[in-house]
N, C-alpha and C. Protein backbone atom coordinates (compact mmCIF):
# COMPACT_ATOMS: atom_id res chain seq x y z
N UNK A 1 51.17 -31.61 -1.40
CA UNK A 1 50.94 -32.94 -0.87
C UNK A 1 51.43 -33.97 -1.89
N UNK A 2 52.15 -34.95 -1.41
CA UNK A 2 52.72 -35.97 -2.29
C UNK A 2 51.65 -36.95 -2.76
N UNK A 3 51.80 -37.39 -3.99
CA UNK A 3 50.91 -38.40 -4.57
C UNK A 3 51.14 -39.71 -3.83
N UNK A 4 50.06 -40.46 -3.52
CA UNK A 4 50.25 -41.73 -2.81
C UNK A 4 51.06 -42.71 -3.65
N UNK A 5 51.78 -43.58 -2.97
CA UNK A 5 52.59 -44.59 -3.64
C UNK A 5 51.69 -45.49 -4.49
N UNK A 6 52.18 -45.86 -5.65
CA UNK A 6 51.44 -46.75 -6.54
C UNK A 6 52.10 -48.11 -6.52
N UNK A 7 51.29 -49.11 -6.24
CA UNK A 7 51.74 -50.50 -6.23
C UNK A 7 51.27 -51.16 -7.52
N UNK A 8 52.00 -52.20 -7.93
CA UNK A 8 51.56 -52.95 -9.09
C UNK A 8 51.78 -54.44 -8.86
N UNK A 9 51.03 -55.21 -9.62
CA UNK A 9 51.13 -56.67 -9.57
C UNK A 9 50.67 -57.20 -10.93
N UNK A 10 50.98 -58.45 -11.16
CA UNK A 10 50.54 -59.12 -12.38
C UNK A 10 49.57 -60.24 -12.02
N UNK A 11 48.65 -60.50 -12.91
CA UNK A 11 47.71 -61.60 -12.76
C UNK A 11 47.70 -62.40 -14.06
N UNK A 12 48.07 -63.67 -13.97
CA UNK A 12 47.95 -64.55 -15.14
C UNK A 12 46.49 -64.93 -15.27
N UNK A 13 45.92 -64.67 -16.43
CA UNK A 13 44.49 -64.90 -16.66
C UNK A 13 44.30 -65.63 -17.98
N UNK A 14 43.08 -66.07 -18.25
CA UNK A 14 42.81 -66.72 -19.54
C UNK A 14 43.02 -65.81 -20.75
N UNK A 15 43.11 -64.51 -20.53
CA UNK A 15 43.32 -63.57 -21.64
C UNK A 15 44.74 -63.01 -21.62
N UNK A 16 45.61 -63.61 -20.85
CA UNK A 16 47.00 -63.16 -20.79
C UNK A 16 47.33 -62.56 -19.44
N UNK A 17 48.55 -62.09 -19.36
CA UNK A 17 49.06 -61.53 -18.11
C UNK A 17 48.61 -60.08 -17.97
N UNK A 18 47.74 -59.83 -17.00
CA UNK A 18 47.21 -58.49 -16.76
C UNK A 18 48.12 -57.75 -15.79
N UNK A 19 48.34 -56.47 -16.04
CA UNK A 19 49.05 -55.59 -15.13
C UNK A 19 48.02 -54.80 -14.35
N UNK A 20 48.09 -54.86 -13.03
CA UNK A 20 47.19 -54.10 -12.17
C UNK A 20 48.02 -53.07 -11.42
N UNK A 21 47.46 -51.88 -11.23
CA UNK A 21 48.11 -50.84 -10.45
C UNK A 21 47.07 -50.21 -9.54
N UNK A 22 47.51 -49.86 -8.35
CA UNK A 22 46.60 -49.24 -7.41
C UNK A 22 47.33 -48.46 -6.35
N UNK A 23 46.57 -47.67 -5.63
CA UNK A 23 47.07 -46.90 -4.49
C UNK A 23 46.22 -47.29 -3.29
N UNK A 24 46.55 -46.75 -2.15
CA UNK A 24 45.83 -47.11 -0.92
C UNK A 24 44.33 -46.84 -1.04
N UNK A 25 43.94 -45.85 -1.84
CA UNK A 25 42.53 -45.49 -1.94
C UNK A 25 41.81 -46.13 -3.12
N UNK A 26 42.46 -47.02 -3.86
CA UNK A 26 41.71 -47.71 -4.90
C UNK A 26 42.55 -48.20 -6.06
N UNK A 27 41.91 -49.05 -6.85
CA UNK A 27 42.51 -49.61 -8.05
C UNK A 27 42.55 -48.52 -9.13
N UNK A 28 43.70 -48.35 -9.75
CA UNK A 28 43.91 -47.29 -10.74
C UNK A 28 43.84 -47.78 -12.17
N UNK A 29 44.30 -49.02 -12.41
CA UNK A 29 44.49 -49.44 -13.78
C UNK A 29 44.55 -50.96 -13.90
N UNK A 30 43.99 -51.45 -15.00
CA UNK A 30 44.19 -52.84 -15.43
C UNK A 30 44.62 -52.73 -16.89
N UNK A 31 45.75 -53.34 -17.20
CA UNK A 31 46.25 -53.25 -18.57
C UNK A 31 46.38 -54.65 -19.17
N UNK A 32 45.90 -54.78 -20.39
CA UNK A 32 46.01 -56.03 -21.13
C UNK A 32 47.43 -56.18 -21.68
N UNK A 33 47.87 -57.41 -21.90
CA UNK A 33 49.23 -57.62 -22.43
C UNK A 33 49.37 -57.24 -23.90
N UNK A 34 48.24 -57.12 -24.60
CA UNK A 34 48.28 -56.74 -26.01
C UNK A 34 47.13 -55.79 -26.27
N UNK A 35 46.94 -55.43 -27.50
CA UNK A 35 45.87 -54.50 -27.84
C UNK A 35 46.44 -53.12 -28.12
N UNK A 36 45.58 -52.12 -27.99
CA UNK A 36 45.96 -50.76 -28.39
C UNK A 36 46.97 -50.10 -27.47
N UNK A 37 46.84 -50.33 -26.17
CA UNK A 37 47.69 -49.59 -25.23
C UNK A 37 48.24 -50.45 -24.10
N UNK A 38 49.03 -51.46 -24.40
CA UNK A 38 49.60 -52.21 -23.29
C UNK A 38 50.54 -51.29 -22.48
N UNK A 39 50.49 -51.42 -21.19
CA UNK A 39 51.30 -50.57 -20.31
C UNK A 39 52.38 -51.39 -19.63
N UNK A 40 53.38 -50.69 -19.20
CA UNK A 40 54.44 -51.26 -18.37
C UNK A 40 54.45 -50.48 -17.06
N UNK A 41 54.91 -51.10 -15.97
CA UNK A 41 54.99 -50.35 -14.72
C UNK A 41 55.93 -49.15 -14.85
N UNK A 42 55.55 -48.06 -14.24
CA UNK A 42 56.40 -46.88 -14.18
C UNK A 42 57.56 -47.18 -13.23
N UNK A 43 58.68 -46.53 -13.45
CA UNK A 43 59.86 -46.74 -12.59
C UNK A 43 59.56 -46.38 -11.13
N UNK A 44 58.60 -45.50 -10.88
CA UNK A 44 58.29 -45.09 -9.51
C UNK A 44 57.31 -46.04 -8.79
N UNK A 45 56.72 -46.98 -9.53
CA UNK A 45 55.78 -47.91 -8.92
C UNK A 45 56.52 -48.98 -8.14
N UNK A 46 55.82 -49.56 -7.17
CA UNK A 46 56.40 -50.59 -6.30
C UNK A 46 55.69 -51.90 -6.53
N UNK A 47 56.44 -52.95 -6.81
CA UNK A 47 55.84 -54.29 -6.97
C UNK A 47 55.37 -54.76 -5.61
N UNK A 48 54.05 -54.99 -5.47
CA UNK A 48 53.48 -55.40 -4.19
C UNK A 48 52.19 -56.16 -4.43
N UNK A 49 52.31 -57.48 -4.60
CA UNK A 49 51.13 -58.31 -4.83
C UNK A 49 50.14 -58.22 -3.68
N UNK A 50 50.66 -58.09 -2.46
CA UNK A 50 49.79 -58.01 -1.28
C UNK A 50 48.89 -56.78 -1.30
N UNK A 51 49.40 -55.66 -1.78
CA UNK A 51 48.60 -54.43 -1.82
C UNK A 51 47.43 -54.57 -2.79
N UNK A 52 47.56 -55.48 -3.77
CA UNK A 52 46.51 -55.67 -4.76
C UNK A 52 45.83 -57.03 -4.63
N UNK A 53 45.98 -57.64 -3.46
CA UNK A 53 45.48 -59.00 -3.24
C UNK A 53 43.97 -59.10 -3.46
N UNK A 54 43.21 -58.12 -3.02
CA UNK A 54 41.75 -58.20 -3.17
C UNK A 54 41.35 -58.08 -4.64
N UNK A 55 41.99 -57.19 -5.37
CA UNK A 55 41.71 -57.06 -6.80
C UNK A 55 42.07 -58.35 -7.53
N UNK A 56 43.21 -58.93 -7.20
CA UNK A 56 43.63 -60.18 -7.81
C UNK A 56 42.62 -61.28 -7.49
N UNK A 57 42.20 -61.37 -6.24
CA UNK A 57 41.24 -62.40 -5.83
C UNK A 57 39.91 -62.24 -6.57
N UNK A 58 39.42 -61.01 -6.67
CA UNK A 58 38.14 -60.80 -7.34
C UNK A 58 38.24 -61.09 -8.84
N UNK A 59 39.32 -60.72 -9.46
CA UNK A 59 39.49 -61.04 -10.89
C UNK A 59 39.62 -62.54 -11.11
N UNK A 60 40.35 -63.23 -10.25
CA UNK A 60 40.44 -64.69 -10.36
C UNK A 60 39.07 -65.32 -10.22
N UNK A 61 38.30 -64.82 -9.28
CA UNK A 61 36.95 -65.32 -9.06
C UNK A 61 36.06 -65.07 -10.28
N UNK A 62 36.22 -63.92 -10.91
CA UNK A 62 35.48 -63.61 -12.14
C UNK A 62 35.83 -64.62 -13.23
N UNK A 63 37.12 -64.84 -13.45
CA UNK A 63 37.53 -65.75 -14.51
C UNK A 63 37.15 -67.20 -14.20
N UNK A 64 37.02 -67.53 -12.92
CA UNK A 64 36.60 -68.88 -12.53
C UNK A 64 35.08 -69.06 -12.64
N UNK A 65 34.37 -67.99 -12.96
CA UNK A 65 32.92 -68.06 -13.10
C UNK A 65 32.18 -67.94 -11.79
N UNK A 66 32.84 -67.45 -10.76
CA UNK A 66 32.23 -67.35 -9.43
C UNK A 66 31.80 -65.93 -9.07
N UNK A 67 32.20 -64.93 -9.84
CA UNK A 67 31.90 -63.54 -9.52
C UNK A 67 31.27 -62.86 -10.72
N UNK A 68 30.19 -62.13 -10.43
CA UNK A 68 29.48 -61.39 -11.48
C UNK A 68 29.63 -59.88 -11.32
N UNK A 69 29.99 -59.42 -10.14
CA UNK A 69 30.16 -57.99 -9.86
C UNK A 69 31.42 -57.81 -9.03
N UNK A 70 32.02 -56.64 -9.16
CA UNK A 70 33.22 -56.32 -8.40
C UNK A 70 32.88 -55.33 -7.30
N UNK A 71 33.52 -55.51 -6.16
CA UNK A 71 33.30 -54.64 -5.00
C UNK A 71 34.64 -54.06 -4.55
N UNK A 72 35.31 -53.43 -5.47
CA UNK A 72 36.63 -52.86 -5.20
C UNK A 72 36.55 -51.35 -5.15
N UNK A 73 37.34 -50.70 -4.28
CA UNK A 73 37.43 -49.25 -4.38
C UNK A 73 38.20 -48.91 -5.66
N UNK A 74 37.66 -47.97 -6.41
CA UNK A 74 38.25 -47.61 -7.70
C UNK A 74 38.65 -46.14 -7.70
N UNK A 75 39.72 -45.87 -8.40
CA UNK A 75 40.19 -44.49 -8.58
C UNK A 75 40.55 -44.31 -10.04
N UNK A 76 39.53 -44.20 -10.86
CA UNK A 76 39.73 -44.15 -12.31
C UNK A 76 40.34 -42.83 -12.76
N UNK A 77 39.99 -41.74 -12.11
CA UNK A 77 40.61 -40.46 -12.42
C UNK A 77 40.21 -39.84 -13.75
N UNK A 78 38.99 -40.02 -14.16
CA UNK A 78 38.55 -39.44 -15.42
C UNK A 78 37.93 -38.07 -15.25
N UNK A 79 37.50 -37.51 -16.36
CA UNK A 79 36.76 -36.25 -16.34
C UNK A 79 35.37 -36.53 -15.75
N UNK A 80 34.63 -35.52 -15.37
CA UNK A 80 33.27 -35.76 -14.88
C UNK A 80 32.42 -36.54 -15.90
N UNK A 81 32.54 -36.22 -17.19
CA UNK A 81 31.78 -36.95 -18.22
C UNK A 81 32.22 -38.42 -18.25
N UNK A 82 33.51 -38.67 -18.29
CA UNK A 82 34.01 -40.05 -18.31
C UNK A 82 33.51 -40.82 -17.08
N UNK A 83 33.57 -40.20 -15.93
CA UNK A 83 33.11 -40.86 -14.70
C UNK A 83 31.63 -41.23 -14.79
N UNK A 84 30.81 -40.36 -15.39
CA UNK A 84 29.39 -40.68 -15.57
C UNK A 84 29.23 -41.89 -16.48
N UNK A 85 30.00 -41.93 -17.57
CA UNK A 85 29.94 -43.07 -18.49
C UNK A 85 30.37 -44.33 -17.77
N UNK A 86 31.48 -44.27 -17.03
CA UNK A 86 31.99 -45.45 -16.35
C UNK A 86 31.05 -45.93 -15.25
N UNK A 87 30.40 -44.98 -14.57
CA UNK A 87 29.38 -45.38 -13.57
C UNK A 87 28.23 -46.11 -14.26
N UNK A 88 27.80 -45.60 -15.40
CA UNK A 88 26.71 -46.26 -16.15
C UNK A 88 27.14 -47.64 -16.64
N UNK A 89 28.39 -47.78 -17.04
CA UNK A 89 28.89 -49.09 -17.48
C UNK A 89 28.78 -50.12 -16.37
N UNK A 90 29.04 -49.69 -15.15
CA UNK A 90 28.98 -50.62 -14.01
C UNK A 90 27.55 -51.09 -13.74
N UNK A 91 26.57 -50.43 -14.35
CA UNK A 91 25.17 -50.84 -14.19
C UNK A 91 24.72 -51.84 -15.26
N UNK A 92 25.55 -52.06 -16.27
CA UNK A 92 25.19 -53.02 -17.32
C UNK A 92 25.38 -54.42 -16.73
N UNK A 93 24.32 -55.21 -16.69
CA UNK A 93 24.40 -56.51 -16.02
C UNK A 93 25.39 -57.49 -16.67
N UNK A 94 25.93 -58.34 -15.85
CA UNK A 94 26.79 -59.43 -16.28
C UNK A 94 26.07 -60.22 -17.36
N UNK A 95 26.76 -60.48 -18.46
CA UNK A 95 26.17 -61.27 -19.54
C UNK A 95 25.33 -60.47 -20.51
N UNK A 96 25.12 -59.19 -20.25
CA UNK A 96 24.31 -58.33 -21.14
C UNK A 96 25.23 -57.46 -21.98
N UNK A 97 24.70 -56.91 -23.04
CA UNK A 97 25.42 -55.93 -23.84
C UNK A 97 24.54 -54.71 -24.04
N UNK A 98 25.17 -53.62 -24.45
CA UNK A 98 24.49 -52.35 -24.65
C UNK A 98 25.18 -51.64 -25.81
N UNK A 99 24.45 -50.82 -26.54
CA UNK A 99 25.06 -50.04 -27.62
C UNK A 99 25.57 -48.72 -27.05
N UNK A 100 26.44 -48.07 -27.82
CA UNK A 100 26.94 -46.76 -27.42
C UNK A 100 25.79 -45.77 -27.32
N UNK A 101 24.85 -45.84 -28.27
CA UNK A 101 23.71 -44.94 -28.25
C UNK A 101 22.85 -45.13 -27.02
N UNK A 102 22.60 -46.39 -26.64
CA UNK A 102 21.80 -46.65 -25.44
C UNK A 102 22.54 -46.16 -24.20
N UNK A 103 23.84 -46.35 -24.15
CA UNK A 103 24.61 -45.86 -23.01
C UNK A 103 24.53 -44.34 -22.93
N UNK A 104 24.59 -43.66 -24.07
CA UNK A 104 24.44 -42.21 -24.10
C UNK A 104 23.07 -41.79 -23.58
N UNK A 105 22.02 -42.53 -23.97
CA UNK A 105 20.67 -42.23 -23.46
C UNK A 105 20.61 -42.42 -21.95
N UNK A 106 21.26 -43.46 -21.45
CA UNK A 106 21.21 -43.74 -20.01
C UNK A 106 21.88 -42.66 -19.17
N UNK A 107 22.85 -41.96 -19.74
CA UNK A 107 23.47 -40.87 -18.97
C UNK A 107 22.81 -39.53 -19.26
N UNK A 108 21.69 -39.56 -20.01
CA UNK A 108 20.94 -38.34 -20.27
C UNK A 108 21.49 -37.49 -21.40
N UNK A 109 22.34 -38.07 -22.26
CA UNK A 109 22.89 -37.32 -23.40
C UNK A 109 22.75 -38.16 -24.66
N UNK A 110 21.52 -38.27 -25.17
CA UNK A 110 21.24 -39.19 -26.27
C UNK A 110 22.00 -38.91 -27.57
N UNK A 111 22.54 -37.71 -27.73
CA UNK A 111 23.28 -37.38 -28.95
C UNK A 111 24.79 -37.54 -28.77
N UNK A 112 25.22 -38.09 -27.66
CA UNK A 112 26.65 -38.16 -27.33
C UNK A 112 27.24 -39.55 -27.51
N UNK A 113 26.73 -40.33 -28.46
CA UNK A 113 27.23 -41.70 -28.63
C UNK A 113 28.73 -41.73 -28.93
N UNK A 114 29.21 -40.81 -29.76
CA UNK A 114 30.65 -40.78 -30.07
C UNK A 114 31.47 -40.42 -28.84
N UNK A 115 31.02 -39.46 -28.08
CA UNK A 115 31.73 -39.08 -26.85
C UNK A 115 31.71 -40.22 -25.84
N UNK A 116 30.59 -40.94 -25.78
CA UNK A 116 30.50 -42.12 -24.92
C UNK A 116 31.51 -43.17 -25.39
N UNK A 117 31.64 -43.34 -26.70
CA UNK A 117 32.63 -44.28 -27.24
C UNK A 117 34.04 -43.89 -26.85
N UNK A 118 34.34 -42.60 -26.91
CA UNK A 118 35.67 -42.13 -26.53
C UNK A 118 35.92 -42.36 -25.04
N UNK A 119 34.91 -42.10 -24.20
CA UNK A 119 35.05 -42.34 -22.76
C UNK A 119 35.22 -43.83 -22.49
N UNK A 120 34.48 -44.63 -23.22
CA UNK A 120 34.59 -46.08 -23.08
C UNK A 120 36.01 -46.53 -23.41
N UNK A 121 36.56 -45.99 -24.48
CA UNK A 121 37.92 -46.33 -24.89
C UNK A 121 38.99 -45.86 -23.94
N UNK A 122 38.69 -44.86 -23.14
CA UNK A 122 39.65 -44.32 -22.17
C UNK A 122 39.55 -45.00 -20.80
N UNK A 123 38.64 -45.94 -20.66
CA UNK A 123 38.43 -46.63 -19.38
C UNK A 123 39.72 -47.30 -18.91
N UNK A 124 40.27 -46.90 -17.76
CA UNK A 124 41.51 -47.52 -17.28
C UNK A 124 41.29 -48.82 -16.51
N UNK A 125 40.04 -49.19 -16.30
CA UNK A 125 39.73 -50.35 -15.46
C UNK A 125 38.84 -51.37 -16.18
N UNK A 126 39.27 -51.84 -17.36
CA UNK A 126 38.44 -52.81 -18.07
C UNK A 126 38.19 -54.05 -17.23
N UNK A 127 37.16 -54.75 -17.53
CA UNK A 127 36.63 -55.92 -16.84
C UNK A 127 35.88 -55.47 -15.59
N UNK A 128 36.54 -54.76 -14.69
CA UNK A 128 35.88 -54.27 -13.47
C UNK A 128 34.85 -53.22 -13.83
N UNK A 129 35.19 -52.30 -14.70
CA UNK A 129 34.25 -51.36 -15.31
C UNK A 129 34.05 -51.93 -16.71
N UNK A 130 32.96 -52.67 -16.92
CA UNK A 130 32.84 -53.60 -18.06
C UNK A 130 32.60 -52.96 -19.42
N UNK A 131 33.60 -52.27 -19.92
CA UNK A 131 33.48 -51.63 -21.24
C UNK A 131 33.37 -52.66 -22.36
N UNK A 132 33.74 -53.91 -22.07
CA UNK A 132 33.60 -54.96 -23.09
C UNK A 132 32.14 -55.25 -23.41
N UNK A 133 31.23 -54.82 -22.57
CA UNK A 133 29.80 -55.08 -22.78
C UNK A 133 29.17 -54.09 -23.75
N UNK A 134 29.93 -53.13 -24.25
CA UNK A 134 29.40 -52.15 -25.20
C UNK A 134 29.72 -52.62 -26.62
N UNK A 135 28.68 -52.68 -27.43
CA UNK A 135 28.81 -53.16 -28.81
C UNK A 135 28.17 -52.14 -29.75
N UNK A 136 28.37 -52.33 -31.03
CA UNK A 136 27.77 -51.44 -32.02
C UNK A 136 26.26 -51.59 -32.07
N UNK A 137 25.59 -50.58 -32.59
CA UNK A 137 24.13 -50.60 -32.70
C UNK A 137 23.66 -51.78 -33.55
N UNK A 138 24.52 -52.22 -34.48
CA UNK A 138 24.18 -53.36 -35.33
C UNK A 138 24.63 -54.69 -34.71
N UNK A 139 24.96 -54.66 -33.43
CA UNK A 139 25.42 -55.83 -32.66
C UNK A 139 26.81 -56.30 -33.04
N UNK A 140 27.56 -55.48 -33.76
CA UNK A 140 28.93 -55.86 -34.11
C UNK A 140 29.86 -55.57 -32.94
N UNK A 141 30.94 -56.34 -32.89
CA UNK A 141 31.98 -56.05 -31.91
C UNK A 141 32.77 -54.88 -32.42
N UNK A 142 32.92 -53.88 -31.58
CA UNK A 142 33.66 -52.68 -31.96
C UNK A 142 34.95 -52.64 -31.16
N UNK A 143 35.75 -51.63 -31.39
CA UNK A 143 37.06 -51.52 -30.77
C UNK A 143 37.09 -51.82 -29.28
N UNK A 144 38.23 -52.32 -28.87
CA UNK A 144 38.42 -52.67 -27.46
C UNK A 144 39.91 -52.59 -27.16
N UNK A 145 40.27 -51.99 -26.03
CA UNK A 145 41.67 -51.78 -25.68
C UNK A 145 42.49 -53.05 -25.63
N UNK A 146 41.88 -54.16 -25.29
CA UNK A 146 42.60 -55.42 -25.22
C UNK A 146 42.55 -56.21 -26.52
N UNK A 147 41.93 -55.64 -27.55
CA UNK A 147 41.79 -56.32 -28.83
C UNK A 147 40.44 -57.04 -28.91
N UNK A 148 39.98 -57.25 -30.13
CA UNK A 148 38.66 -57.87 -30.32
C UNK A 148 38.62 -59.31 -29.85
N UNK A 149 39.72 -60.05 -29.94
CA UNK A 149 39.71 -61.43 -29.44
C UNK A 149 39.46 -61.46 -27.94
N UNK A 150 40.06 -60.54 -27.22
CA UNK A 150 39.85 -60.45 -25.77
C UNK A 150 38.40 -60.08 -25.47
N UNK A 151 37.85 -59.12 -26.21
CA UNK A 151 36.46 -58.73 -26.03
C UNK A 151 35.54 -59.92 -26.30
N UNK A 152 35.82 -60.63 -27.39
CA UNK A 152 35.02 -61.81 -27.75
C UNK A 152 35.08 -62.85 -26.62
N UNK A 153 36.28 -63.07 -26.06
CA UNK A 153 36.42 -64.03 -24.96
C UNK A 153 35.59 -63.61 -23.75
N UNK A 154 35.69 -62.35 -23.35
CA UNK A 154 34.97 -61.87 -22.16
C UNK A 154 33.45 -61.98 -22.35
N UNK A 155 32.96 -61.59 -23.52
CA UNK A 155 31.52 -61.70 -23.77
C UNK A 155 31.07 -63.16 -23.79
N UNK A 156 31.84 -64.03 -24.40
CA UNK A 156 31.49 -65.46 -24.44
C UNK A 156 31.55 -66.07 -23.04
N UNK A 157 32.54 -65.69 -22.26
CA UNK A 157 32.67 -66.17 -20.88
C UNK A 157 31.41 -65.83 -20.08
N UNK A 158 30.97 -64.57 -20.17
CA UNK A 158 29.78 -64.15 -19.44
C UNK A 158 28.52 -64.79 -19.99
N UNK A 159 28.41 -64.90 -21.30
CA UNK A 159 27.22 -65.52 -21.90
C UNK A 159 27.12 -66.98 -21.50
N UNK A 160 28.24 -67.68 -21.51
CA UNK A 160 28.26 -69.09 -21.14
C UNK A 160 27.79 -69.27 -19.69
N UNK A 161 28.28 -68.44 -18.79
CA UNK A 161 27.90 -68.54 -17.39
C UNK A 161 26.45 -68.15 -17.17
N UNK A 162 25.98 -67.15 -17.90
CA UNK A 162 24.59 -66.71 -17.79
C UNK A 162 23.65 -67.82 -18.24
N UNK A 163 23.98 -68.47 -19.36
CA UNK A 163 23.16 -69.59 -19.85
C UNK A 163 23.18 -70.75 -18.86
N UNK A 164 24.35 -71.03 -18.29
CA UNK A 164 24.48 -72.13 -17.33
C UNK A 164 23.60 -71.86 -16.10
N UNK A 165 23.66 -70.64 -15.58
CA UNK A 165 22.86 -70.30 -14.41
C UNK A 165 21.37 -70.33 -14.72
N UNK A 166 20.99 -69.92 -15.94
CA UNK A 166 19.57 -69.96 -16.33
C UNK A 166 19.09 -71.42 -16.39
N UNK A 167 19.92 -72.31 -16.91
CA UNK A 167 19.54 -73.72 -16.95
C UNK A 167 19.40 -74.29 -15.56
N UNK A 168 20.28 -73.92 -14.64
CA UNK A 168 20.17 -74.37 -13.26
C UNK A 168 18.87 -73.89 -12.65
N UNK A 169 18.49 -72.63 -12.95
CA UNK A 169 17.23 -72.09 -12.44
C UNK A 169 16.04 -72.86 -12.97
N UNK A 170 16.12 -73.31 -14.23
CA UNK A 170 15.04 -74.11 -14.81
C UNK A 170 14.91 -75.43 -14.08
N UNK A 171 16.04 -76.00 -13.66
CA UNK A 171 16.00 -77.30 -12.98
C UNK A 171 15.40 -77.20 -11.57
N UNK A 172 15.67 -76.08 -10.91
CA UNK A 172 15.27 -75.98 -9.51
C UNK A 172 14.15 -74.97 -9.27
N UNK A 173 13.70 -74.29 -10.35
CA UNK A 173 12.71 -73.23 -10.19
C UNK A 173 11.34 -73.69 -10.22
């Protein structure tokens, strides 16, 4: 059986031009323009902004401060362990952070903090699967595929919106 066609598109964002790739059954990848592993489209991929319109719209909404969760079909393609880590990452609330050790505890493997870190680093869908929310046990910013400046921006963006919404709640609560 042939692999489904992969479409790609670009999204200009506050953190640079993101490369998105997906197939009919879900979003496959988001790549940062810089950092450890910037990607380029494969020669077999097809440029099709329409095929990725919903992902583009949801990411734009996130950067505009209007979206806190993503509702996209995803096809990350990891190992069973990686998929468990990525599922747990999606449970970390907008504006919150978690340590690698706590994430390991949440998946029922409290001694697997390093393996959780490796799975976090292999996440092909950053932002949507919010690996930027994982920090060191000492609250330090640790490695991130898009670079620490990008991680710092994403965390500050979410913190700013979380504080703003809390203040609004104080006014009307």
